[in-house]
Protein backbone atom coordinates (compact mmCIF):
# COMPACT_ATOMS: atom_id res chain seq x y z
CA MET A 1 49.34 57.89 65.48
CA ARG A 2 48.22 54.63 66.98
CA LEU A 3 44.40 54.27 67.20
CA TYR A 4 42.22 51.99 69.27
CA GLY A 5 38.48 52.15 69.80
CA VAL A 6 35.97 51.39 72.50
CA THR A 7 32.59 50.69 70.98
CA GLY A 8 29.26 49.22 72.04
CA TRP A 9 25.58 49.98 72.29
CA LYS A 10 24.14 52.68 74.60
CA ASN A 11 24.65 52.00 78.35
CA ALA A 12 27.21 49.28 77.65
CA GLY A 13 29.88 50.99 79.74
CA LYS A 14 31.92 52.67 76.98
CA THR A 15 32.53 56.00 78.71
CA GLY A 16 33.44 54.50 82.08
CA LEU A 17 35.86 52.13 80.37
CA MET A 18 37.36 55.00 78.31
CA GLU A 19 37.88 57.07 81.49
CA ARG A 20 39.56 54.17 83.27
CA LEU A 21 41.75 53.39 80.28
CA VAL A 22 42.90 57.00 79.89
CA THR A 23 43.82 57.10 83.60
CA GLU A 24 45.65 53.74 83.46
CA ILE A 25 47.52 54.39 80.21
CA THR A 26 48.56 57.99 80.97
CA GLY A 27 49.69 56.75 84.38
CA ARG A 28 52.24 54.63 82.52
CA GLY A 29 53.70 57.79 80.93
CA ILE A 30 51.98 57.28 77.56
CA ARG A 31 50.45 60.37 75.93
CA VAL A 32 46.78 59.79 75.07
CA SER A 33 44.14 61.86 73.29
CA THR A 34 40.52 60.86 72.85
CA VAL A 35 37.81 61.27 70.24
CA LYS A 36 34.17 60.84 71.25
CA HIS A 37 31.32 60.56 68.75
CA ALA A 38 28.04 62.17 69.78
CA HIS A 39 24.80 61.21 68.09
CA HIS A 40 23.16 64.46 69.07
CA THR A 41 23.75 68.17 69.05
CA PHE A 42 26.00 69.51 71.79
CA ASP A 43 27.44 72.83 72.90
CA VAL A 44 30.67 73.61 74.71
CA ASP A 45 29.79 77.24 75.18
CA HIS A 46 26.67 78.81 76.64
CA ALA A 47 24.12 81.39 75.55
CA GLY A 48 25.18 84.92 76.45
CA LYS A 49 28.93 84.14 76.60
CA ASP A 50 31.17 85.93 74.11
CA SER A 51 32.18 82.75 72.26
CA HIS A 52 28.53 81.76 71.86
CA ARG A 53 27.73 85.22 70.55
CA HIS A 54 30.54 84.96 67.98
CA ARG A 55 29.19 81.58 66.82
CA VAL A 56 25.59 82.73 66.59
CA ALA A 57 26.71 85.80 64.65
CA GLY A 58 27.97 83.46 61.93
CA ALA A 59 31.62 82.61 62.63
CA THR A 60 32.66 79.33 61.06
CA GLU A 61 35.23 78.73 63.80
CA VAL A 62 35.60 80.14 67.27
CA LEU A 63 38.76 79.43 69.23
CA LEU A 64 38.34 80.03 72.93
CA ALA A 65 41.64 80.18 74.82
CA SER A 66 42.96 80.66 78.35
CA ARG A 67 46.21 79.91 80.07
CA ASN A 68 44.90 76.45 81.00
CA ARG A 69 43.24 75.16 77.79
CA PHE A 70 41.77 76.07 74.44
CA ALA A 71 38.74 74.80 72.58
CA LEU A 72 38.16 75.11 68.85
CA MET A 73 34.53 75.07 67.82
CA HIS A 74 33.74 74.59 64.16
CA GLU A 75 30.16 75.13 63.00
CA LEU A 76 29.00 72.67 60.35
CA ARG A 77 26.58 75.09 58.72
CA ASP A 78 26.00 73.38 55.42
CA GLU A 79 28.68 70.72 55.67
CA ASP A 80 28.46 67.00 56.15
CA GLU A 81 29.62 65.47 59.45
CA PRO A 82 33.40 65.22 59.27
CA SER A 83 34.93 61.81 58.91
CA LEU A 84 36.97 60.27 61.69
CA ALA A 85 40.11 60.61 59.48
CA MET A 86 39.46 64.37 59.06
CA LEU A 87 39.06 64.79 62.84
CA LEU A 88 42.20 62.80 63.61
CA ASP A 89 44.14 65.17 61.33
CA LYS A 90 43.26 68.00 63.68
CA LEU A 91 44.85 66.35 66.73
CA ALA A 92 48.34 67.11 67.95
CA PRO A 93 50.65 64.06 67.80
CA VAL A 94 50.38 61.70 70.78
CA ASP A 95 51.29 58.06 71.44
CA LEU A 96 47.73 56.75 71.35
CA VAL A 97 44.28 58.02 70.36
CA LEU A 98 41.39 56.21 72.06
CA ILE A 99 38.17 56.53 70.07
CA GLU A 100 34.74 56.18 71.69
CA GLY A 101 32.00 55.22 69.25
CA TYR A 102 32.58 55.19 65.52
CA LYS A 103 31.53 51.52 65.37
CA ARG A 104 31.43 51.45 61.56
CA ASP A 105 35.02 52.69 61.10
CA THR A 106 37.80 50.20 60.41
CA HIS A 107 40.21 50.84 63.35
CA PRO A 108 40.60 48.03 65.91
CA LYS A 109 38.24 48.10 68.85
CA VAL A 110 37.24 46.59 72.18
CA GLU A 111 33.49 46.17 72.57
CA ALA A 112 31.98 47.13 75.92
CA PHE A 113 29.06 44.79 76.63
CA ARG A 114 26.50 44.59 79.42
CA ALA A 115 24.10 41.69 79.21
CA GLU A 116 21.33 43.60 81.05
CA THR A 117 20.89 46.05 78.18
CA GLY A 118 19.50 43.23 76.01
CA ASN A 119 21.49 44.39 73.00
CA PRO A 120 23.21 41.85 70.73
CA LEU A 121 27.00 41.57 70.60
CA ILE A 122 28.47 43.64 67.78
CA ALA A 123 31.62 41.48 67.81
CA THR A 124 29.72 38.48 66.39
CA ASN A 125 29.69 40.09 62.88
CA ASP A 126 32.52 42.62 63.13
CA PRO A 127 36.17 41.56 62.69
CA THR A 128 37.42 45.05 63.73
CA ILE A 129 36.37 44.18 67.28
CA ARG A 130 39.47 42.45 68.63
CA ALA A 131 38.16 41.74 72.12
CA VAL A 132 35.09 42.19 74.31
CA ALA A 133 34.93 43.72 77.80
CA SER A 134 31.84 42.13 79.36
CA ASP A 135 29.95 42.03 82.67
CA SER A 136 29.17 38.32 82.08
CA PRO A 137 31.01 35.30 80.69
CA LEU A 138 30.94 34.91 76.90
CA ASP A 139 32.14 32.15 74.58
CA LEU A 140 33.76 33.93 71.67
CA ASP A 141 36.59 33.45 69.13
CA ARG A 142 38.48 36.39 70.58
CA PRO A 143 39.57 37.53 74.08
CA VAL A 144 36.85 38.35 76.63
CA PHE A 145 37.81 40.51 79.61
CA ASP A 146 35.87 41.45 82.69
CA LEU A 147 34.45 44.91 81.96
CA ASP A 148 36.07 46.21 85.18
CA ASP A 149 39.52 44.67 84.52
CA THR A 150 41.04 47.89 83.30
CA LEU A 151 44.60 46.73 83.80
CA ALA A 152 44.18 43.66 81.54
CA ILE A 153 42.26 45.62 78.86
CA ALA A 154 44.93 48.34 78.86
CA ASP A 155 47.69 45.70 78.60
CA PHE A 156 45.82 44.10 75.62
CA ILE A 157 45.35 47.41 73.79
CA LEU A 158 48.95 48.48 74.30
CA ALA A 159 50.25 45.14 73.08
CA GLU A 160 47.93 45.41 70.06
CA VAL A 161 49.33 48.82 69.10
CA GLY A 162 52.91 48.02 69.96
CA LEU A 163 53.36 50.31 72.99
C-alpha cells in the first residue's frame, strides 16, 4: 500500500485538508483509506447500546455490522497503543492510505501550517515532511502550497507515490 501523511500542530488545518484530499483523490477513481491518530479517548458506540454493553462486559473485540458498514472496536485493556504498522495491517488493500497525525513515524508527509497558531514549523527539522501546505508564504527548501490549493497538493502527493 502507498502511504502519505498530513501532519501539523493542533488547529493547523489537518482534518480539513484530509477531507478535501480524500474527496479530490477518490474523485479521480483512486481508492483511498484513512488513518487518524487521536490523542485522547474516544468512543464509536454509546452507553446503553448493545455493542457498548458487550464492550463494558469485557469483550476484547466487538464487531458491529449492518448492510451499509461495519466497525471493529478493539479494547486495549492492558496493551500498549498499537503501532501505525500494526494498524495498517488491519486495512483492506487500497491504492493509497492517507494518515492524519503520526508525526513521529517515517512515512512521507505534507505539513499543514497556519501562522496564526504561533506554532513552529515541524518541517524545519523533519526530512519526512516533503512539502508544506500553508496559509502564508514561507521560504523553505521544499515545496510550499497554499493550504487551500487541494488540487496542487493532491497532484504532488499522487506524483510522490507514483499514482
